[in-house]
PDB file of N, CA and C in Angstrom:
ATOM      1  N   MET A   1       0.841  -1.203   0.000  1.00  0.00           N
ATOM      2  CA  MET A   1       0.000   0.000   0.000  1.00  0.00           C
ATOM      3  C   MET A   1       0.872   1.246   0.000  1.00  0.00           C
ATOM      4  N   VAL A   2       0.505   2.200  -0.775  1.00  0.00           N
ATOM      5  CA  VAL A   2       1.193   3.485  -0.822  1.00  0.00           C
ATOM      6  C   VAL A   2       0.794   4.277   0.416  1.00  0.00           C
ATOM      7  N   LYS A   3       1.739   4.978   1.031  1.00  0.00           N
ATOM      8  CA  LYS A   3       1.424   5.641   2.306  1.00  0.00           C
ATOM      9  C   LYS A   3       0.420   6.779   2.161  1.00  0.00           C
ATOM     10  N   ASN A   4       0.234   7.304   0.965  1.00  0.00           N
ATOM     11  CA  ASN A   4      -0.715   8.397   0.767  1.00  0.00           C
ATOM     12  C   ASN A   4      -2.113   7.882   0.392  1.00  0.00           C
ATOM     13  N   GLU A   5      -2.310   6.563   0.422  1.00  0.00           N
ATOM     14  CA  GLU A   5      -3.613   6.004   0.073  1.00  0.00           C
ATOM     15  C   GLU A   5      -4.413   5.675   1.320  1.00  0.00           C
ATOM     16  N   LYS A   6      -5.731   5.764   1.178  1.00  0.00           N
ATOM     17  CA  LYS A   6      -6.630   5.469   2.283  1.00  0.00           C
ATOM     18  C   LYS A   6      -6.617   3.978   2.594  1.00  0.00           C
ATOM     19  N   THR A   7      -6.717   3.666   3.873  1.00  0.00           N
ATOM     20  CA  THR A   7      -6.816   2.272   4.289  1.00  0.00           C
ATOM     21  C   THR A   7      -8.242   1.785   4.048  1.00  0.00           C
ATOM     22  N   LYS A   8      -8.426   0.491   4.135  1.00  0.00           N
ATOM     23  CA  LYS A   8      -9.764  -0.073   3.969  1.00  0.00           C
ATOM     24  C   LYS A   8     -10.709   0.522   5.015  1.00  0.00           C
ATOM     25  N   GLU A   9     -10.223   0.680   6.248  1.00  0.00           N
ATOM     26  CA  GLU A   9     -11.052   1.245   7.314  1.00  0.00           C
ATOM     27  C   GLU A   9     -11.493   2.668   6.992  1.00  0.00           C
ATOM     28  N   GLU A  10     -10.587   3.468   6.442  1.00  0.00           N
ATOM     29  CA  GLU A  10     -10.927   4.839   6.062  1.00  0.00           C
ATOM     30  C   GLU A  10     -11.956   4.843   4.931  1.00  0.00           C
ATOM     31  N   ARG A  11     -11.813   3.914   3.988  1.00  0.00           N
ATOM     32  CA  ARG A  11     -12.773   3.832   2.886  1.00  0.00           C
ATOM     33  C   ARG A  11     -14.149   3.426   3.413  1.00  0.00           C
ATOM     34  N   VAL A  12     -14.183   2.487   4.347  1.00  0.00           N
ATOM     35  CA  VAL A  12     -15.460   2.053   4.939  1.00  0.00           C
ATOM     36  C   VAL A  12     -16.166   3.236   5.597  1.00  0.00           C
ATOM     37  N   ILE A  13     -15.441   4.016   6.367  1.00  0.00           N
ATOM     38  CA  ILE A  13     -16.030   5.169   7.063  1.00  0.00           C
ATOM     39  C   ILE A  13     -16.605   6.163   6.063  1.00  0.00           C
ATOM     40  N   GLU A  14     -15.871   6.454   4.994  1.00  0.00           N
ATOM     41  CA  GLU A  14     -16.368   7.410   4.002  1.00  0.00           C
ATOM     42  C   GLU A  14     -17.638   6.903   3.321  1.00  0.00           C
ATOM     43  N   VAL A  15     -17.654   5.616   2.959  1.00  0.00           N
ATOM     44  CA  VAL A  15     -18.824   5.057   2.289  1.00  0.00           C
ATOM     45  C   VAL A  15     -20.026   5.031   3.234  1.00  0.00           C
ATOM     46  N   ILE A  16     -19.806   4.697   4.492  1.00  0.00           N
ATOM     47  CA  ILE A  16     -20.915   4.703   5.470  1.00  0.00           C
ATOM     48  C   ILE A  16     -21.501   6.105   5.575  1.00  0.00           C
ATOM     49  N   ASN A  17     -20.653   7.124   5.635  1.00  0.00           N
ATOM     50  CA  ASN A  17     -21.149   8.500   5.727  1.00  0.00           C
ATOM     51  C   ASN A  17     -21.957   8.894   4.496  1.00  0.00           C
ATOM     52  N   ILE A  18     -21.486   8.499   3.322  1.00  0.00           N
ATOM     53  CA  ILE A  18     -22.222   8.811   2.088  1.00  0.00           C
ATOM     54  C   ILE A  18     -23.563   8.096   2.085  1.00  0.00           C
ATOM     55  N   ARG A  19     -23.581   6.823   2.494  1.00  0.00           N
ATOM     56  CA  ARG A  19     -24.840   6.060   2.528  1.00  0.00           C
ATOM     57  C   ARG A  19     -25.831   6.693   3.499  1.00  0.00           C
ATOM     58  N   LYS A  20     -25.342   7.131   4.663  1.00  0.00           N
ATOM     59  CA  LYS A  20     -26.222   7.793   5.638  1.00  0.00           C
ATOM     60  C   LYS A  20     -26.835   9.052   5.046  1.00  0.00           C
ATOM     61  N   GLN A  21     -26.032   9.828   4.331  1.00  0.00           N
ATOM     62  CA  GLN A  21     -26.539  11.057   3.719  1.00  0.00           C
ATOM     63  C   GLN A  21     -27.600  10.748   2.675  1.00  0.00           C
ATOM     64  N   LEU A  22     -27.358   9.747   1.836  1.00  0.00           N
ATOM     65  CA  LEU A  22     -28.340   9.376   0.816  1.00  0.00           C
ATOM     66  C   LEU A  22     -29.629   8.868   1.457  1.00  0.00           C
ATOM     67  N   MET A  23     -29.498   8.050   2.509  1.00  0.00           N
ATOM     68  CA  MET A  23     -30.681   7.529   3.196  1.00  0.00           C
ATOM     69  C   MET A  23     -31.475   8.668   3.845  1.00  0.00           C
ATOM     70  N   SER A  24     -30.773   9.650   4.392  1.00  0.00           N
ATOM     71  CA  SER A  24     -31.460  10.767   5.044  1.00  0.00           C
ATOM     72  C   SER A  24     -32.256  11.589   4.038  1.00  0.00           C
ATOM     73  N   LEU A  25     -31.882  11.497   2.775  1.00  0.00           N
ATOM     74  CA  LEU A  25     -32.609  12.188   1.702  1.00  0.00           C
ATOM     75  C   LEU A  25     -33.700  11.304   1.097  1.00  0.00           C
ATOM     76  N   GLY A  26     -33.886  10.122   1.675  1.00  0.00           N
ATOM     77  CA  GLY A  26     -34.918   9.218   1.191  1.00  0.00           C
ATOM     78  C   GLY A  26     -34.500   8.408  -0.024  1.00  0.00           C
ATOM     79  N   LEU A  27     -33.214   8.339  -0.291  1.00  0.00           N
ATOM     80  CA  LEU A  27     -32.719   7.604  -1.453  1.00  0.00           C
ATOM     81  C   LEU A  27     -32.238   6.212  -1.015  1.00  0.00           C
ATOM     82  N   SER A  28     -33.175   5.283  -0.952  1.00  0.00           N
ATOM     83  CA  SER A  28     -32.835   3.914  -0.562  1.00  0.00           C
ATOM     84  C   SER A  28     -32.436   3.125  -1.798  1.00  0.00           C
ATOM     85  N   ASN A  29     -31.949   1.912  -1.581  1.00  0.00           N
ATOM     86  CA  ASN A  29     -31.489   1.127  -2.723  1.00  0.00           C
ATOM     87  C   ASN A  29     -32.637   0.565  -3.559  1.00  0.00           C
ATOM     88  N   GLU A  30     -33.898   0.867  -3.213  1.00  0.00           N
ATOM     89  CA  GLU A  30     -35.007   0.513  -4.092  1.00  0.00           C
ATOM     90  C   GLU A  30     -35.067   1.447  -5.300  1.00  0.00           C
ATOM     91  N   ILE A  31     -34.473   2.612  -5.185  1.00  0.00           N
ATOM     92  CA  ILE A  31     -34.482   3.575  -6.288  1.00  0.00           C
ATOM     93  C   ILE A  31     -33.461   3.124  -7.330  1.00  0.00           C
ATOM     94  N   GLU A  32     -33.919   3.065  -8.575  1.00  0.00           N
ATOM     95  CA  GLU A  32     -33.048   2.623  -9.662  1.00  0.00           C
ATOM     96  C   GLU A  32     -31.810   3.512  -9.728  1.00  0.00           C
ATOM     97  N   GLY A  33     -30.660   2.897  -9.774  1.00  0.00           N
ATOM     98  CA  GLY A  33     -29.398   3.634  -9.840  1.00  0.00           C
ATOM     99  C   GLY A  33     -28.659   3.652  -8.515  1.00  0.00           C
ATOM    100  N   ILE A  34     -29.384   3.675  -7.400  1.00  0.00           N
ATOM    101  CA  ILE A  34     -28.725   3.714  -6.092  1.00  0.00           C
ATOM    102  C   ILE A  34     -27.969   2.414  -5.835  1.00  0.00           C
ATOM    103  N   GLN A  35     -28.591   1.274  -6.162  1.00  0.00           N
ATOM    104  CA  GLN A  35     -27.897  -0.002  -5.959  1.00  0.00           C
ATOM    105  C   GLN A  35     -26.643  -0.084  -6.819  1.00  0.00           C
ATOM    106  N   ASP A  36     -26.706   0.483  -8.028  1.00  0.00           N
ATOM    107  CA  ASP A  36     -25.504   0.518  -8.875  1.00  0.00           C
ATOM    108  C   ASP A  36     -24.385   1.280  -8.178  1.00  0.00           C
ATOM    109  N   PHE A  37     -24.747   2.398  -7.560  1.00  0.00           N
ATOM    110  CA  PHE A  37     -23.748   3.188  -6.844  1.00  0.00           C
ATOM    111  C   PHE A  37     -23.192   2.408  -5.652  1.00  0.00           C
ATOM    112  N   TYR A  38     -24.067   1.702  -4.933  1.00  0.00           N
ATOM    113  CA  TYR A  38     -23.601   0.909  -3.788  1.00  0.00           C
ATOM    114  C   TYR A  38     -22.669  -0.220  -4.230  1.00  0.00           C
ATOM    115  N   ASP A  39     -22.920  -0.796  -5.409  1.00  0.00           N
ATOM    116  CA  ASP A  39     -22.021  -1.821  -5.942  1.00  0.00           C
ATOM    117  C   ASP A  39     -20.643  -1.224  -6.221  1.00  0.00           C
ATOM    118  N   ILE A  40     -20.629  -0.016  -6.756  1.00  0.00           N
ATOM    119  CA  ILE A  40     -19.368   0.690  -7.004  1.00  0.00           C
ATOM    120  C   ILE A  40     -18.660   0.968  -5.677  1.00  0.00           C
ATOM    121  N   CYS A  41     -19.440   1.364  -4.668  1.00  0.00           N
ATOM    122  CA  CYS A  41     -18.867   1.624  -3.340  1.00  0.00           C
ATOM    123  C   CYS A  41     -18.232   0.359  -2.760  1.00  0.00           C
ATOM    124  N   ARG A  42     -18.897  -0.784  -2.969  1.00  0.00           N
ATOM    125  CA  ARG A  42     -18.362  -2.042  -2.451  1.00  0.00           C
ATOM    126  C   ARG A  42     -17.008  -2.355  -3.098  1.00  0.00           C
ATOM    127  N   ASP A  43     -16.902  -2.148  -4.422  1.00  0.00           N
ATOM    128  CA  ASP A  43     -15.619  -2.358  -5.097  1.00  0.00           C
ATOM    129  C   ASP A  43     -14.564  -1.387  -4.575  1.00  0.00           C
ATOM    130  N   TYR A  44     -14.975  -0.169  -4.321  1.00  0.00           N
ATOM    131  CA  TYR A  44     -14.058   0.840  -3.793  1.00  0.00           C
ATOM    132  C   TYR A  44     -13.510   0.405  -2.436  1.00  0.00           C
ATOM    133  N   VAL A  45     -14.397  -0.060  -1.560  1.00  0.00           N
ATOM    134  CA  VAL A  45     -13.972  -0.471  -0.219  1.00  0.00           C
ATOM    135  C   VAL A  45     -13.123  -1.741  -0.283  1.00  0.00           C
ATOM    136  N   GLU A  46     -13.618  -2.751  -0.972  1.00  0.00           N
ATOM    137  CA  GLU A  46     -12.960  -4.064  -0.966  1.00  0.00           C
ATOM    138  C   GLU A  46     -11.687  -4.102  -1.818  1.00  0.00           C
ATOM    139  N   LEU A  47     -11.717  -3.473  -2.978  1.00  0.00           N
ATOM    140  CA  LEU A  47     -10.612  -3.604  -3.926  1.00  0.00           C
ATOM    141  C   LEU A  47      -9.774  -2.342  -4.081  1.00  0.00           C
ATOM    142  N   GLY A  48     -10.266  -1.228  -3.544  1.00  0.00           N
ATOM    143  CA  GLY A  48      -9.524   0.022  -3.654  1.00  0.00           C
ATOM    144  C   GLY A  48      -9.598   0.661  -5.026  1.00  0.00           C
ATOM    145  N   HIS A  49     -10.701   0.410  -5.744  1.00  0.00           N
ATOM    146  CA  HIS A  49     -10.870   1.002  -7.069  1.00  0.00           C
ATOM    147  C   HIS A  49     -11.460   2.404  -6.963  1.00  0.00           C
ATOM    148  N   SER A  50     -10.707   3.392  -7.386  1.00  0.00           N
ATOM    149  CA  SER A  50     -11.239   4.759  -7.441  1.00  0.00           C
ATOM    150  C   SER A  50     -12.326   4.825  -8.494  1.00  0.00           C
ATOM    151  N   TRP A  51     -13.235   5.786  -8.349  1.00  0.00           N
ATOM    152  CA  TRP A  51     -14.319   5.937  -9.314  1.00  0.00           C
ATOM    153  C   TRP A  51     -14.774   7.380  -9.334  1.00  0.00           C
ATOM    154  N   SER A  52     -15.108   7.859 -10.509  1.00  0.00           N
ATOM    155  CA  SER A  52     -15.834   9.120 -10.622  1.00  0.00           C
ATOM    156  C   SER A  52     -16.764   8.968 -11.809  1.00  0.00           C
ATOM    157  N   GLY A  53     -17.974   9.485 -11.657  1.00  0.00           N
ATOM    158  CA  GLY A  53     -18.920   9.353 -12.730  1.00  0.00           C
ATOM    159  C   GLY A  53     -20.294   9.853 -12.360  1.00  0.00           C
ATOM    160  N   LYS A  54     -21.242   9.564 -13.249  1.00  0.00           N
ATOM    161  CA  LYS A  54     -22.621  10.009 -13.072  1.00  0.00           C
ATOM    162  C   LYS A  54     -23.552   8.811 -13.219  1.00  0.00           C
ATOM    163  N   ILE A  55     -24.578   8.784 -12.374  1.00  0.00           N
ATOM    164  CA  ILE A  55     -25.590   7.736 -12.442  1.00  0.00           C
ATOM    165  C   ILE A  55     -26.957   8.407 -12.406  1.00  0.00           C
ATOM    166  N   LYS A  56     -27.763   8.148 -13.431  1.00  0.00           N
ATOM    167  CA  LYS A  56     -29.118   8.706 -13.455  1.00  0.00           C
ATOM    168  C   LYS A  56     -29.989   7.971 -12.442  1.00  0.00           C
ATOM    169  N   LEU A  57     -30.833   8.746 -11.749  1.00  0.00           N
ATOM    170  CA  LEU A  57     -31.784   8.191 -10.792  1.00  0.00           C
ATOM    171  C   LEU A  57     -33.187   8.448 -11.341  1.00  0.00           C
ATOM    172  N   PRO A  58     -33.667   7.565 -12.231  1.00  0.00           N
ATOM    173  CA  PRO A  58     -34.964   7.782 -12.889  1.00  0.00           C
ATOM    174  C   PRO A  58     -36.099   7.983 -11.886  1.00  0.00           C
ATOM    175  N   GLY A  59     -36.956   8.943 -12.207  1.00  0.00           N
ATOM    176  CA  GLY A  59     -38.109   9.226 -11.355  1.00  0.00           C
ATOM    177  C   GLY A  59     -37.829  10.229 -10.252  1.00  0.00           C
ATOM    178  N   THR A  60     -36.561  10.585 -10.055  1.00  0.00           N
ATOM    179  CA  THR A  60     -36.217  11.542  -8.999  1.00  0.00           C
ATOM    180  C   THR A  60     -35.822  12.903  -9.561  1.00  0.00           C
ATOM    181  N   LYS A  61     -35.664  12.973 -10.881  1.00  0.00           N
ATOM    182  CA  LYS A  61     -35.159  14.184 -11.544  1.00  0.00           C
ATOM    183  C   LYS A  61     -33.788  14.578 -11.012  1.00  0.00           C
ATOM    184  N   ARG A  62     -32.992  13.558 -10.709  1.00  0.00           N
ATOM    185  CA  ARG A  62     -31.647  13.790 -10.180  1.00  0.00           C
ATOM    186  C   ARG A  62     -30.637  12.895 -10.882  1.00  0.00           C
ATOM    187  N   ILE A  63     -29.411  13.397 -10.964  1.00  0.00           N
ATOM    188  CA  ILE A  63     -28.269  12.614 -11.413  1.00  0.00           C
ATOM    189  C   ILE A  63     -27.266  12.622 -10.270  1.00  0.00           C
ATOM    190  N   LEU A  64     -26.868  11.431  -9.841  1.00  0.00           N
ATOM    191  CA  LEU A  64     -25.871  11.311  -8.794  1.00  0.00           C
ATOM    192  C   LEU A  64     -24.504  11.458  -9.447  1.00  0.00           C
ATOM    193  N   GLU A  65     -23.778  12.476  -9.043  1.00  0.00           N
ATOM    194  CA  GLU A  65     -22.405  12.669  -9.502  1.00  0.00           C
ATOM    195  C   GLU A  65     -21.500  12.340  -8.328  1.00  0.00           C
ATOM    196  N   GLY A  66     -20.642  11.352  -8.525  1.00  0.00           N
ATOM    197  CA  GLY A  66     -19.824  10.909  -7.405  1.00  0.00           C
ATOM    198  C   GLY A  66     -18.355  10.827  -7.726  1.00  0.00           C
ATOM    199  N   ARG A  67     -17.593  10.822  -6.641  1.00  0.00           N
ATOM    200  CA  ARG A  67     -16.144  10.695  -6.747  1.00  0.00           C
ATOM    201  C   ARG A  67     -15.663   9.914  -5.529  1.00  0.00           C
ATOM    202  N   LEU A  68     -15.102   8.746  -5.769  1.00  0.00           N
ATOM    203  CA  LEU A  68     -14.518   7.925  -4.711  1.00  0.00           C
ATOM    204  C   LEU A  68     -13.024   7.868  -4.986  1.00  0.00           C
ATOM    205  N   VAL A  69     -12.249   8.440  -4.094  1.00  0.00           N
ATOM    206  CA  VAL A  69     -10.810   8.592  -4.337  1.00  0.00           C
ATOM    207  C   VAL A  69      -9.989   7.837  -3.300  1.00  0.00           C
ATOM    208  N   MET A  70      -8.802   7.445  -3.707  1.00  0.00           N
ATOM    209  CA  MET A  70      -7.906   6.698  -2.824  1.00  0.00           C
ATOM    210  C   MET A  70      -6.927   7.594  -2.069  1.00  0.00           C
ATOM    211  N   ARG A  71      -6.660   8.775  -2.573  1.00  0.00           N
ATOM    212  CA  ARG A  71      -5.664   9.635  -1.933  1.00  0.00           C
ATOM    213  C   ARG A  71      -6.193  10.209  -0.627  1.00  0.00           C
ATOM    214  N   LYS A  72      -5.374  10.143   0.413  1.00  0.00           N
ATOM    215  CA  LYS A  72      -5.784  10.599   1.740  1.00  0.00           C
ATOM    216  C   LYS A  72      -6.148  12.081   1.788  1.00  0.00           C
ATOM    217  N   ASN A  73      -5.507  12.898   0.962  1.00  0.00           N
ATOM    218  CA  ASN A  73      -5.737  14.335   1.051  1.00  0.00           C
ATOM    219  C   ASN A  73      -6.987  14.779   0.283  1.00  0.00           C
ATOM    220  N   LEU A  74      -7.725  13.844  -0.330  1.00  0.00           N
ATOM    221  CA  LEU A  74      -8.961  14.169  -1.044  1.00  0.00           C
ATOM    222  C   LEU A  74     -10.126  13.447  -0.404  1.00  0.00           C
ATOM    223  N   ASP A  75     -11.272  14.132  -0.345  1.00  0.00           N
ATOM    224  CA  ASP A  75     -12.470  13.523   0.210  1.00  0.00           C
ATOM    225  C   ASP A  75     -13.312  12.922  -0.897  1.00  0.00           C
ATOM    226  N   CYS A  76     -13.983  11.841  -0.560  1.00  0.00           N
ATOM    227  CA  CYS A  76     -14.980  11.293  -1.468  1.00  0.00           C
ATOM    228  C   CYS A  76     -16.182  12.235  -1.437  1.00  0.00           C
ATOM    229  N   SER A  77     -16.891  12.323  -2.561  1.00  0.00           N
ATOM    230  CA  SER A  77     -18.032  13.237  -2.587  1.00  0.00           C
ATOM    231  C   SER A  77     -19.137  12.698  -3.475  1.00  0.00           C
ATOM    232  N   VAL A  78     -20.344  13.135  -3.161  1.00  0.00           N
ATOM    233  CA  VAL A  78     -21.524  12.811  -3.961  1.00  0.00           C
ATOM    234  C   VAL A  78     -22.368  14.065  -4.042  1.00  0.00           C
ATOM    235  N   ASN A  79     -22.786  14.407  -5.263  1.00  0.00           N
ATOM    236  CA  ASN A  79     -23.701  15.522  -5.478  1.00  0.00           C
ATOM    237  C   ASN A  79     -24.913  15.003  -6.222  1.00  0.00           C
ATOM    238  N   LEU A  80     -26.062  15.549  -5.883  1.00  0.00           N
ATOM    239  CA  LEU A  80     -27.288  15.226  -6.619  1.00  0.00           C
ATOM    240  C   LEU A  80     -27.643  16.430  -7.458  1.00  0.00           C
ATOM    241  N   LYS A  81     -27.478  16.297  -8.752  1.00  0.00           N
ATOM    242  CA  LYS A  81     -27.751  17.392  -9.675  1.00  0.00           C
ATOM    243  C   LYS A  81     -29.175  17.271 -10.211  1.00  0.00           C
ATOM    244  N   TYR A  82     -29.887  18.374 -10.199  1.00  0.00           N
ATOM    245  CA  TYR A  82     -31.252  18.396 -10.743  1.00  0.00           C
ATOM    246  C   TYR A  82     -31.195  18.310 -12.255  1.00  0.00           C
ATOM    247  N   ASN A  83     -32.051  17.447 -12.809  1.00  0.00           N
ATOM    248  CA  ASN A  83     -32.194  17.350 -14.259  1.00  0.00           C
ATOM    249  C   ASN A  83     -33.644  16.979 -14.557  1.00  0.00           C
ATOM    250  N   ASP A  84     -34.357  17.885 -15.191  1.00  0.00           N
ATOM    251  CA  ASP A  84     -35.787  17.704 -15.437  1.00  0.00           C
ATOM    252  C   ASP A  84     -36.088  16.520 -16.346  1.00  0.00           C
ATOM    253  N   HIS A  85     -35.089  16.028 -17.071  1.00  0.00           N
ATOM    254  CA  HIS A  85     -35.295  14.967 -18.055  1.00  0.00           C
ATOM    255  C   HIS A  85     -35.020  13.568 -17.538  1.00  0.00           C
ATOM    256  N   VAL A  86     -34.709  13.444 -16.252  1.00  0.00           N
ATOM    257  CA  VAL A  86     -34.389  12.127 -15.685  1.00  0.00           C
ATOM    258  C   VAL A  86     -35.617  11.542 -15.019  1.00  0.00           C
TER     259      VAL A  86
END
């Protein structure tokens, strides 16, 4: 492991915080697209795969824009962008 990379424990904490935020907004894994994001999160935690991208959440008029990073000095982030066509 590179010393500037997040440990598995640090990745778990970040993903738990993101999941709590999504749940607090009423975005459970029954919503199409959320489970896809959680699958990506699982790969990030277990395998250390960084990810950035967009996932449409049909029926919510939102696009989840996320970034899961391995470098310790960067935070993982998720934004929900409004899009009337989703």
